[in-house]
């Protein structure tokens, strides 16, 4: 059985690969106005955790484009094919999944980032209603091999923003 696939990802108002964080805790008591804690004359820290600034993991704007590569099930004897193209600010991943003798195709790029303080990854995607998976390598190894952690990325026919909380990313089995 074969299945065609297509996924498009773009940076937009809600950024691709944008990490999101929990809002800082609030209280009912009025507080000082929000200011840069490092600026002269700023009030002392309230002790509340600070939210990190948004962090863009990938952009698709030419010179800043990460080296995307496709990995197909041919590594285990399958016949699936995937193709990736970055053009006009959009990453487009297309292909055909052949479930006999394999059954996967993926697009990957390496990026190192300190994700502590963030709760997940936000993507702006369009994919025709299929659910894709986001695979995150946190550096964990078992017997020298990468431990694969994946979270669902549901898509629609129209552009939509999908949040993948880190607590929804589980060890693939």
N, C-alpha and C. Protein backbone atom coordinates (compact mmCIF):
# COMPACT_ATOMS: atom_id res chain seq x y z
N UNK A 1 0.84 -1.17 0.00
CA UNK A 1 0.00 0.00 0.00
C UNK A 1 0.88 1.24 0.00
N UNK A 2 0.52 2.25 -0.78
CA UNK A 2 1.28 3.49 -0.80
C UNK A 2 0.38 4.64 -0.37
N UNK A 3 0.99 5.64 0.24
CA UNK A 3 0.27 6.84 0.65
C UNK A 3 1.11 8.04 0.27
N UNK A 4 0.49 9.02 -0.38
CA UNK A 4 1.19 10.25 -0.71
C UNK A 4 1.17 11.16 0.50
N UNK A 5 2.21 11.93 0.67
CA UNK A 5 2.25 12.86 1.79
C UNK A 5 2.77 14.20 1.34
N UNK A 6 2.33 15.23 2.03
CA UNK A 6 2.83 16.58 1.79
C UNK A 6 2.70 17.36 3.08
N UNK A 7 3.75 18.05 3.45
CA UNK A 7 3.77 18.90 4.63
C UNK A 7 4.50 20.17 4.25
N UNK A 8 3.93 21.30 4.62
CA UNK A 8 4.59 22.58 4.40
C UNK A 8 4.70 23.29 5.73
N UNK A 9 5.83 23.94 5.97
CA UNK A 9 6.08 24.64 7.21
C UNK A 9 6.63 26.01 6.85
N UNK A 10 6.11 27.06 7.50
CA UNK A 10 6.60 28.41 7.23
C UNK A 10 6.79 29.17 8.53
N UNK A 11 7.71 30.13 8.53
CA UNK A 11 7.72 31.09 9.63
C UNK A 11 6.68 32.14 9.29
N UNK A 12 5.86 32.48 10.24
CA UNK A 12 4.80 33.46 10.01
C UNK A 12 4.63 34.27 11.29
N UNK A 13 3.46 34.83 11.47
CA UNK A 13 3.22 35.61 12.67
C UNK A 13 3.56 34.79 13.91
N UNK A 14 3.07 33.56 13.96
CA UNK A 14 3.48 32.63 14.99
C UNK A 14 4.59 31.79 14.37
N UNK A 15 5.76 31.91 14.89
CA UNK A 15 6.97 31.47 14.22
C UNK A 15 7.16 29.97 14.20
N UNK A 16 7.73 29.45 13.13
CA UNK A 16 8.08 28.04 13.03
C UNK A 16 9.21 27.76 14.01
N UNK A 17 9.07 26.66 14.71
CA UNK A 17 10.14 26.30 15.64
C UNK A 17 10.20 27.24 16.82
N UNK A 18 9.17 28.03 17.04
CA UNK A 18 9.14 28.98 18.14
C UNK A 18 8.85 28.20 19.42
N UNK A 19 9.69 28.35 20.39
CA UNK A 19 9.47 27.67 21.66
C UNK A 19 8.53 28.52 22.49
N UNK A 20 7.60 27.89 23.15
CA UNK A 20 6.70 28.65 23.99
C UNK A 20 6.96 28.32 25.44
N UNK A 21 6.52 29.19 26.29
CA UNK A 21 6.76 29.02 27.71
C UNK A 21 5.49 29.35 28.46
N UNK A 22 5.43 28.89 29.69
CA UNK A 22 4.29 29.23 30.54
C UNK A 22 4.38 30.70 30.90
N UNK A 23 3.23 31.37 30.96
CA UNK A 23 3.28 32.75 31.44
C UNK A 23 3.75 32.78 32.89
N UNK A 24 4.36 33.87 33.26
CA UNK A 24 4.80 34.01 34.64
C UNK A 24 3.59 33.98 35.55
N UNK A 25 3.73 33.41 36.75
CA UNK A 25 2.60 33.37 37.68
C UNK A 25 2.10 34.78 37.96
N UNK A 26 0.80 34.87 38.19
CA UNK A 26 0.21 36.18 38.50
C UNK A 26 -0.42 36.13 39.87
N UNK A 27 -0.59 37.29 40.46
CA UNK A 27 -1.29 37.41 41.73
C UNK A 27 -2.35 38.47 41.57
N UNK A 28 -3.28 38.54 42.53
CA UNK A 28 -4.32 39.55 42.50
C UNK A 28 -3.80 40.91 42.95
N UNK A 29 -2.69 40.91 43.64
CA UNK A 29 -2.14 42.17 44.15
C UNK A 29 -1.49 42.94 43.03
N UNK A 30 -1.69 44.27 42.98
CA UNK A 30 -1.02 45.05 41.93
C UNK A 30 0.48 45.02 42.17
N UNK A 31 1.22 45.06 41.09
CA UNK A 31 2.67 45.00 41.21
C UNK A 31 3.29 46.17 40.46
N UNK A 32 4.60 46.25 40.50
CA UNK A 32 5.28 47.33 39.77
C UNK A 32 5.12 47.12 38.28
N UNK A 33 5.26 48.18 37.51
CA UNK A 33 5.17 48.02 36.05
C UNK A 33 6.30 47.12 35.57
N UNK A 34 6.04 46.42 34.45
CA UNK A 34 7.07 45.54 33.89
C UNK A 34 8.18 46.39 33.30
N UNK A 35 9.40 46.10 33.69
CA UNK A 35 10.56 46.83 33.18
C UNK A 35 11.68 45.84 32.96
N UNK A 36 12.70 46.28 32.27
CA UNK A 36 13.89 45.46 32.07
C UNK A 36 14.62 45.37 33.40
N UNK A 37 14.78 44.15 33.96
CA UNK A 37 15.42 44.03 35.27
C UNK A 37 16.87 44.46 35.27
N UNK A 38 17.48 44.57 34.12
CA UNK A 38 18.89 44.97 34.05
C UNK A 38 19.07 46.47 33.84
N UNK A 39 17.97 47.19 33.65
CA UNK A 39 18.11 48.62 33.40
C UNK A 39 18.28 49.37 34.72
N UNK A 40 19.01 50.50 34.69
CA UNK A 40 19.21 51.26 35.93
C UNK A 40 17.87 51.69 36.51
N UNK A 41 17.75 51.62 37.82
CA UNK A 41 16.54 52.06 38.49
C UNK A 41 15.42 51.04 38.48
N UNK A 42 15.68 49.84 37.98
CA UNK A 42 14.63 48.81 37.97
C UNK A 42 14.39 48.32 39.39
N UNK A 43 13.14 47.99 39.70
CA UNK A 43 12.86 47.46 41.04
C UNK A 43 13.53 46.11 41.21
N UNK A 44 13.80 45.71 42.45
CA UNK A 44 14.42 44.40 42.67
C UNK A 44 13.50 43.29 42.18
N UNK A 45 14.10 42.15 41.88
CA UNK A 45 13.35 41.00 41.37
C UNK A 45 12.32 40.56 42.40
N UNK A 46 11.14 40.14 41.91
CA UNK A 46 10.07 39.69 42.79
C UNK A 46 10.28 38.24 43.22
N UNK A 47 11.26 37.56 42.65
CA UNK A 47 11.48 36.15 42.96
C UNK A 47 10.66 35.23 42.07
N UNK A 48 9.76 35.78 41.24
CA UNK A 48 8.99 34.96 40.32
C UNK A 48 9.89 34.52 39.18
N UNK A 49 9.67 33.32 38.65
CA UNK A 49 10.51 32.88 37.54
C UNK A 49 10.29 33.76 36.32
N UNK A 50 11.37 34.05 35.61
CA UNK A 50 11.24 34.86 34.42
C UNK A 50 11.00 33.97 33.21
N UNK A 51 10.32 34.49 32.22
CA UNK A 51 10.06 33.74 30.99
C UNK A 51 11.17 34.04 30.01
N UNK A 52 11.74 33.02 29.40
CA UNK A 52 12.77 33.29 28.40
C UNK A 52 12.15 33.93 27.16
N UNK A 53 12.96 34.64 26.43
CA UNK A 53 12.49 35.25 25.18
C UNK A 53 12.20 34.16 24.16
N UNK A 54 11.28 34.41 23.23
CA UNK A 54 11.04 33.42 22.17
C UNK A 54 12.35 33.09 21.45
N UNK A 55 12.48 31.86 21.03
CA UNK A 55 13.70 31.38 20.38
C UNK A 55 13.33 30.74 19.06
N UNK A 56 13.83 31.27 17.95
CA UNK A 56 13.57 30.71 16.63
C UNK A 56 14.59 29.61 16.39
N UNK A 57 14.11 28.39 16.16
CA UNK A 57 15.02 27.27 15.89
C UNK A 57 15.42 27.21 14.43
N UNK A 58 14.47 27.43 13.51
CA UNK A 58 14.75 27.38 12.08
C UNK A 58 13.99 28.49 11.37
N UNK A 59 14.61 29.04 10.36
CA UNK A 59 13.92 29.94 9.44
C UNK A 59 14.15 29.39 8.04
N UNK A 60 13.35 29.82 7.14
CA UNK A 60 13.45 29.32 5.77
C UNK A 60 13.60 30.50 4.81
N UNK A 61 14.58 31.35 5.14
CA UNK A 61 14.74 32.57 4.35
C UNK A 61 16.07 32.65 3.61
N UNK A 62 16.51 31.55 3.04
CA UNK A 62 17.71 31.58 2.20
C UNK A 62 18.98 31.31 2.96
N UNK A 63 19.76 32.36 3.21
CA UNK A 63 21.08 32.19 3.81
C UNK A 63 21.00 31.58 5.20
N UNK A 64 19.88 31.76 5.88
CA UNK A 64 19.71 31.27 7.23
C UNK A 64 19.14 29.84 7.27
N UNK A 65 18.90 29.24 6.12
CA UNK A 65 18.26 27.94 6.04
C UNK A 65 19.19 26.83 6.53
N UNK A 66 18.69 25.99 7.41
CA UNK A 66 19.47 24.86 7.92
C UNK A 66 19.62 23.81 6.82
N UNK A 67 20.63 22.97 6.93
CA UNK A 67 20.83 21.90 5.94
C UNK A 67 19.83 20.76 6.16
N UNK A 68 18.69 20.83 5.51
CA UNK A 68 17.65 19.81 5.65
C UNK A 68 18.02 18.59 4.81
N UNK A 69 17.76 17.40 5.35
CA UNK A 69 18.04 16.18 4.63
C UNK A 69 16.87 15.21 4.82
N UNK A 70 16.68 14.36 3.85
CA UNK A 70 15.62 13.36 3.89
C UNK A 70 16.21 12.02 4.30
N UNK A 71 15.51 11.29 5.15
CA UNK A 71 15.88 9.92 5.49
C UNK A 71 14.67 9.05 5.22
N UNK A 72 14.84 8.09 4.32
CA UNK A 72 13.76 7.18 3.92
C UNK A 72 13.98 5.80 4.52
N UNK A 73 12.96 4.95 4.39
CA UNK A 73 13.05 3.58 4.90
C UNK A 73 14.00 2.69 4.10
N UNK A 74 14.63 3.23 3.08
CA UNK A 74 15.63 2.47 2.33
C UNK A 74 16.78 2.00 3.22
N UNK A 75 16.97 2.68 4.36
CA UNK A 75 18.01 2.26 5.30
C UNK A 75 17.71 0.89 5.88
N UNK A 76 16.44 0.42 5.72
CA UNK A 76 16.06 -0.92 6.20
C UNK A 76 15.37 -1.73 5.11
N UNK A 77 15.63 -1.38 3.84
CA UNK A 77 15.11 -2.16 2.73
C UNK A 77 13.78 -1.70 2.16
N UNK A 78 13.25 -0.58 2.62
CA UNK A 78 11.96 -0.08 2.13
C UNK A 78 12.09 0.68 0.82
N UNK A 79 10.92 1.08 0.28
CA UNK A 79 10.88 1.78 -1.01
C UNK A 79 10.21 3.14 -0.94
N UNK A 80 10.01 3.69 0.25
CA UNK A 80 9.40 5.01 0.38
C UNK A 80 10.37 6.07 -0.11
N UNK A 81 9.80 7.19 -0.56
CA UNK A 81 10.61 8.31 -1.04
C UNK A 81 10.10 9.60 -0.46
N UNK A 82 11.01 10.45 -0.03
CA UNK A 82 10.66 11.77 0.45
C UNK A 82 11.54 12.80 -0.22
N UNK A 83 11.00 14.02 -0.34
CA UNK A 83 11.74 15.11 -0.98
C UNK A 83 11.51 16.37 -0.16
N UNK A 84 12.55 17.17 0.00
CA UNK A 84 12.42 18.42 0.74
C UNK A 84 12.92 19.56 -0.12
N UNK A 85 12.22 20.68 -0.03
CA UNK A 85 12.58 21.88 -0.77
C UNK A 85 12.30 23.07 0.13
N UNK A 86 13.23 24.02 0.14
CA UNK A 86 13.03 25.27 0.86
C UNK A 86 13.02 26.36 -0.20
N UNK A 87 11.86 27.04 -0.30
CA UNK A 87 11.73 28.11 -1.29
C UNK A 87 10.71 29.12 -0.82
N UNK A 88 10.97 30.37 -1.09
CA UNK A 88 10.04 31.46 -0.78
C UNK A 88 9.59 31.44 0.68
N UNK A 89 10.52 31.16 1.60
CA UNK A 89 10.21 31.19 3.02
C UNK A 89 9.41 30.01 3.52
N UNK A 90 9.34 28.93 2.75
CA UNK A 90 8.56 27.76 3.13
C UNK A 90 9.38 26.49 2.94
N UNK A 91 9.31 25.57 3.91
CA UNK A 91 9.88 24.25 3.75
C UNK A 91 8.74 23.36 3.27
N UNK A 92 8.95 22.66 2.17
CA UNK A 92 7.94 21.75 1.63
C UNK A 92 8.53 20.35 1.62
N UNK A 93 7.83 19.42 2.28
CA UNK A 93 8.25 18.03 2.37
C UNK A 93 7.15 17.20 1.70
N UNK A 94 7.51 16.48 0.64
CA UNK A 94 6.55 15.66 -0.09
C UNK A 94 7.13 14.28 -0.28
N UNK A 95 6.28 13.35 -0.67
CA UNK A 95 6.80 12.01 -0.93
C UNK A 95 5.72 10.98 -1.00
N UNK A 96 6.17 9.74 -0.97
CA UNK A 96 5.28 8.59 -1.03
C UNK A 96 5.77 7.57 -0.02
N UNK A 97 4.87 7.14 0.85
CA UNK A 97 5.19 6.13 1.86
C UNK A 97 4.69 4.78 1.35
N UNK A 98 5.59 3.82 1.25
CA UNK A 98 5.25 2.45 0.85
C UNK A 98 5.32 1.60 2.11
N UNK A 99 4.16 1.09 2.54
CA UNK A 99 4.13 0.38 3.82
C UNK A 99 4.62 -1.06 3.75
N UNK A 100 4.72 -1.63 2.55
CA UNK A 100 5.27 -2.98 2.43
C UNK A 100 6.79 -2.88 2.44
N UNK A 101 7.42 -3.50 3.44
CA UNK A 101 8.88 -3.54 3.50
C UNK A 101 9.52 -2.32 4.13
N UNK A 102 8.78 -1.51 4.79
CA UNK A 102 9.33 -0.31 5.42
C UNK A 102 8.22 0.54 5.97
N UNK A 103 8.08 1.74 5.42
CA UNK A 103 6.94 2.54 5.80
C UNK A 103 7.22 3.89 6.39
N UNK A 104 8.36 4.52 6.07
CA UNK A 104 8.55 5.88 6.58
C UNK A 104 9.44 6.70 5.66
N UNK A 105 9.26 7.98 5.76
CA UNK A 105 10.16 8.97 5.19
C UNK A 105 10.16 10.15 6.14
N UNK A 106 11.29 10.80 6.27
CA UNK A 106 11.39 11.91 7.22
C UNK A 106 12.30 12.98 6.67
N UNK A 107 12.13 14.18 7.21
CA UNK A 107 13.01 15.30 6.88
C UNK A 107 13.62 15.78 8.19
N UNK A 108 14.93 16.03 8.16
CA UNK A 108 15.66 16.34 9.40
C UNK A 108 16.65 17.48 9.20
N UNK A 109 16.90 18.19 10.27
CA UNK A 109 17.96 19.19 10.30
C UNK A 109 18.45 19.27 11.74
N UNK A 110 19.73 19.46 11.91
CA UNK A 110 20.31 19.56 13.24
C UNK A 110 20.31 21.01 13.71
N UNK A 111 20.01 21.18 14.97
CA UNK A 111 20.07 22.50 15.61
C UNK A 111 20.31 22.28 17.09
N UNK A 112 21.30 22.93 17.63
CA UNK A 112 21.56 22.83 19.07
C UNK A 112 20.99 24.08 19.73
N UNK A 113 20.24 23.87 20.81
CA UNK A 113 19.66 25.00 21.53
C UNK A 113 19.40 24.60 22.96
N UNK A 114 19.55 25.55 23.87
CA UNK A 114 19.20 25.32 25.27
C UNK A 114 17.70 25.55 25.41
N UNK A 115 16.95 24.48 25.62
CA UNK A 115 15.50 24.56 25.67
C UNK A 115 14.98 24.61 27.10
N UNK A 116 15.88 24.70 28.08
CA UNK A 116 15.41 24.79 29.46
C UNK A 116 14.63 26.10 29.62
N UNK A 117 13.56 26.05 30.38
CA UNK A 117 12.71 27.22 30.57
C UNK A 117 11.56 27.28 29.58
N UNK A 118 11.57 26.42 28.57
CA UNK A 118 10.50 26.38 27.58
C UNK A 118 9.64 25.14 27.81
N UNK A 119 8.41 25.20 27.34
CA UNK A 119 7.48 24.08 27.54
C UNK A 119 7.20 23.30 26.28
N UNK A 120 7.64 23.80 25.12
CA UNK A 120 7.35 23.07 23.90
C UNK A 120 7.78 23.84 22.67
N UNK A 121 7.37 23.32 21.53
CA UNK A 121 7.73 23.90 20.23
C UNK A 121 6.46 24.21 19.48
N UNK A 122 6.46 25.35 18.83
CA UNK A 122 5.30 25.80 18.05
C UNK A 122 5.68 25.83 16.58
N UNK A 123 4.81 25.27 15.73
CA UNK A 123 5.05 25.24 14.29
C UNK A 123 3.83 25.77 13.55
N UNK A 124 4.05 26.41 12.45
CA UNK A 124 2.96 26.83 11.56
C UNK A 124 3.04 25.90 10.36
N UNK A 125 1.99 25.07 10.16
CA UNK A 125 2.04 23.98 9.19
C UNK A 125 0.77 23.89 8.36
N UNK A 126 0.90 23.23 7.23
CA UNK A 126 -0.24 22.82 6.39
C UNK A 126 0.10 21.45 5.87
N UNK A 127 -0.82 20.48 6.03
CA UNK A 127 -0.47 19.12 5.65
C UNK A 127 -1.62 18.24 5.24
N UNK A 128 -2.74 18.81 4.86
CA UNK A 128 -3.82 18.01 4.30
C UNK A 128 -4.55 17.10 5.27
N UNK A 129 -4.47 17.37 6.57
CA UNK A 129 -5.21 16.58 7.52
C UNK A 129 -4.46 15.40 8.12
N UNK A 130 -3.27 15.14 7.66
CA UNK A 130 -2.46 14.04 8.21
C UNK A 130 -1.83 14.47 9.52
N UNK A 131 -1.50 13.50 10.35
CA UNK A 131 -0.73 13.78 11.56
C UNK A 131 0.69 13.32 11.32
N UNK A 132 1.61 14.25 11.47
CA UNK A 132 3.04 13.97 11.33
C UNK A 132 3.61 13.87 12.75
N UNK A 133 4.90 13.61 12.86
CA UNK A 133 5.55 13.54 14.16
C UNK A 133 6.76 14.47 14.18
N UNK A 134 6.92 15.15 15.30
CA UNK A 134 8.09 15.95 15.57
C UNK A 134 9.04 15.09 16.38
N UNK A 135 10.25 14.89 15.92
CA UNK A 135 11.24 14.06 16.59
C UNK A 135 12.29 14.99 17.20
N UNK A 136 12.48 14.88 18.51
CA UNK A 136 13.41 15.76 19.22
C UNK A 136 14.50 14.89 19.85
N UNK A 137 15.75 15.25 19.60
CA UNK A 137 16.89 14.56 20.19
C UNK A 137 17.38 15.40 21.35
N UNK A 138 17.20 14.88 22.57
CA UNK A 138 17.64 15.62 23.76
C UNK A 138 19.01 15.18 24.24
N UNK A 139 19.69 14.38 23.43
CA UNK A 139 21.03 13.93 23.78
C UNK A 139 21.07 12.62 24.55
N UNK A 140 19.91 12.09 24.93
CA UNK A 140 19.87 10.82 25.66
C UNK A 140 20.29 9.68 24.75
N UNK A 141 21.15 8.81 25.26
CA UNK A 141 21.63 7.66 24.50
C UNK A 141 21.43 6.40 25.33
N UNK A 142 21.15 5.30 24.63
CA UNK A 142 21.03 3.99 25.26
C UNK A 142 21.89 3.03 24.45
N UNK A 143 22.92 2.48 25.07
CA UNK A 143 23.86 1.60 24.39
C UNK A 143 24.45 2.26 23.15
N UNK A 144 24.73 3.55 23.27
CA UNK A 144 25.36 4.30 22.20
C UNK A 144 24.43 4.79 21.10
N UNK A 145 23.14 4.48 21.21
CA UNK A 145 22.19 4.88 20.17
C UNK A 145 21.27 5.98 20.69
N UNK A 146 20.84 6.86 19.78
CA UNK A 146 19.92 7.94 20.11
C UNK A 146 18.59 7.38 20.60
N UNK A 147 18.06 7.95 21.66
CA UNK A 147 16.72 7.61 22.13
C UNK A 147 15.76 8.56 21.42
N UNK A 148 14.89 8.02 20.61
CA UNK A 148 13.98 8.82 19.80
C UNK A 148 12.77 9.25 20.63
N UNK A 149 12.49 10.55 20.65
CA UNK A 149 11.34 11.10 21.35
C UNK A 149 10.49 11.85 20.34
N UNK A 150 9.19 11.51 20.30
CA UNK A 150 8.32 12.07 19.27
C UNK A 150 7.03 12.60 19.86
N UNK A 151 6.52 13.64 19.20
CA UNK A 151 5.23 14.22 19.57
C UNK A 151 4.40 14.47 18.33
N UNK A 152 3.06 14.41 18.44
CA UNK A 152 2.18 14.54 17.29
C UNK A 152 2.09 15.97 16.76
N UNK A 153 2.04 16.09 15.43
CA UNK A 153 1.83 17.37 14.74
C UNK A 153 0.65 17.18 13.79
N UNK A 154 -0.58 17.43 14.29
CA UNK A 154 -1.73 17.31 13.41
C UNK A 154 -1.76 18.46 12.42
N UNK A 155 -2.25 18.21 11.21
CA UNK A 155 -2.31 19.26 10.20
C UNK A 155 -3.72 19.36 9.63
N UNK A 156 -3.93 20.42 8.86
CA UNK A 156 -5.19 20.66 8.16
C UNK A 156 -4.85 21.04 6.73
N UNK A 157 -5.89 21.25 5.91
CA UNK A 157 -5.68 21.74 4.54
C UNK A 157 -5.24 23.19 4.56
N UNK A 158 -5.63 23.94 5.58
CA UNK A 158 -5.27 25.36 5.71
C UNK A 158 -4.09 25.49 6.68
N UNK A 159 -3.39 26.63 6.59
CA UNK A 159 -2.30 26.90 7.53
C UNK A 159 -2.86 26.96 8.94
N UNK A 160 -2.17 26.32 9.87
CA UNK A 160 -2.57 26.33 11.27
C UNK A 160 -1.32 26.31 12.14
N UNK A 161 -1.46 26.82 13.33
CA UNK A 161 -0.37 26.80 14.29
C UNK A 161 -0.57 25.63 15.23
N UNK A 162 0.45 24.82 15.37
CA UNK A 162 0.39 23.63 16.22
C UNK A 162 1.42 23.79 17.33
N UNK A 163 0.98 23.59 18.55
CA UNK A 163 1.89 23.58 19.69
C UNK A 163 2.14 22.14 20.11
N UNK A 164 3.41 21.80 20.26
CA UNK A 164 3.79 20.45 20.69
C UNK A 164 4.47 20.61 22.05
N UNK A 165 3.71 20.42 23.14
CA UNK A 165 4.31 20.54 24.47
C UNK A 165 5.34 19.44 24.70
N UNK A 166 6.41 19.77 25.39
CA UNK A 166 7.43 18.77 25.66
C UNK A 166 6.86 17.57 26.41
N UNK A 167 5.84 17.79 27.25
CA UNK A 167 5.29 16.65 27.98
C UNK A 167 4.44 15.74 27.09
N UNK A 168 4.21 16.11 25.81
CA UNK A 168 3.53 15.22 24.88
C UNK A 168 4.53 14.47 24.00
N UNK A 169 5.81 14.79 24.15
CA UNK A 169 6.87 14.12 23.38
C UNK A 169 7.33 12.93 24.20
N UNK A 170 7.08 11.73 23.66
CA UNK A 170 7.38 10.52 24.41
C UNK A 170 8.39 9.66 23.66
N UNK A 171 8.99 8.73 24.37
CA UNK A 171 9.95 7.81 23.76
C UNK A 171 9.19 6.95 22.75
N UNK A 172 9.71 6.93 21.51
CA UNK A 172 9.08 6.15 20.44
C UNK A 172 9.33 4.68 20.71
N UNK A 173 8.33 3.89 20.45
CA UNK A 173 8.48 2.47 20.74
C UNK A 173 8.29 1.68 19.55
